[in-house]
Protein backbone atom coordinates (compact mmCIF):
# COMPACT_ATOMS: atom_id res chain seq x y z
CA PRO A 1 9.01 -2.33 9.21
CA SER A 2 6.64 -4.80 8.12
CA VAL A 3 6.73 -6.07 4.14
CA LEU A 4 3.28 -7.04 2.59
CA ALA A 5 2.39 -7.57 -0.72
CA VAL A 6 -0.54 -5.72 -2.08
CA PRO A 7 -2.45 -5.41 -5.62
CA VAL A 8 -0.42 -2.56 -7.62
CA ALA A 9 -3.85 -1.14 -8.30
CA ALA A 10 -3.44 -0.28 -4.17
CA LEU A 11 -0.20 2.14 -4.99
CA ILE A 12 -1.04 5.97 -4.84
CA SER A 13 1.08 9.32 -4.77
CA THR A 14 1.60 11.36 -1.76
CA ALA A 15 1.61 15.27 -2.35
CA ASP A 16 5.36 15.31 -2.84
CA GLY A 17 5.11 12.19 -5.31
CA GLN A 18 6.44 9.25 -2.81
CA PRO A 19 4.16 5.81 -2.94
CA ALA A 20 1.66 5.13 -0.38
CA VAL A 21 -1.24 3.34 0.15
CA LEU A 22 -4.73 3.91 1.90
CA VAL A 23 -5.18 1.24 5.15
CA MET A 24 -8.73 1.16 6.22
CA GLY A 25 -8.94 2.22 9.90
CA SER A 26 -11.82 2.68 12.71
CA SER A 27 -12.35 6.42 10.98
CA GLY A 28 -12.15 5.27 7.27
CA PRO A 29 -8.84 5.18 5.28
CA ARG A 30 -5.70 6.18 6.12
CA GLN A 31 -2.47 7.25 3.65
CA ARG A 32 0.31 5.29 4.99
CA PRO A 33 3.81 6.01 3.41
CA VAL A 34 5.71 3.01 1.74
CA SER A 35 8.60 1.88 0.10
CA VAL A 36 8.31 -0.56 -2.90
CA GLY A 37 9.95 -3.77 -3.56
CA LEU A 38 9.69 -6.79 -5.65
CA PHE A 39 6.95 -6.99 -8.97
CA ASP A 40 5.11 -9.91 -9.35
CA ASP A 41 3.89 -8.96 -13.10
CA ALA A 42 1.88 -12.40 -13.25
CA ASP A 43 -0.43 -11.93 -10.16
CA GLY A 44 -0.17 -8.13 -10.50
CA MET A 45 1.29 -7.55 -6.98
CA ILE A 46 4.21 -5.35 -5.44
CA GLN A 47 5.59 -5.81 -2.33
CA VAL A 48 5.53 -2.66 0.37
CA SER A 49 6.86 -1.96 3.38
CA GLY A 50 6.60 0.74 5.90
CA PRO A 51 6.68 1.36 9.65
CA ARG A 52 2.89 2.09 9.96
CA LEU A 53 1.80 -1.35 7.93
CA SER A 54 0.94 -4.81 9.98
CA ALA A 55 0.04 -8.22 8.76
CA GLY A 56 -3.83 -8.36 8.18
CA ASP A 57 -4.12 -4.17 7.14
CA GLN A 58 -7.07 -4.00 4.53
CA VAL A 59 -5.57 -2.36 1.93
CA VAL A 60 -7.93 -0.12 -0.49
CA ILE A 61 -7.99 -0.17 -3.92
CA PRO A 62 -8.85 3.72 -4.74
CA ALA A 63 -11.42 3.71 -7.45
CA SER A 64 -10.22 4.87 -11.06
């Protein structure tokens, strides 16, 4: 799986409480389950990996 760094604010939870991110697709944002890794507190970024993530994916930060 690909490993990416995303803003912590991009993390969401699935219905069963697992971490996920929203990735923008041609028909709108799609939820992608992820595993989380290292956290960069200084920059507010977190490492995520998942089989359906690719370099260049546009990650959506949900409105709060």
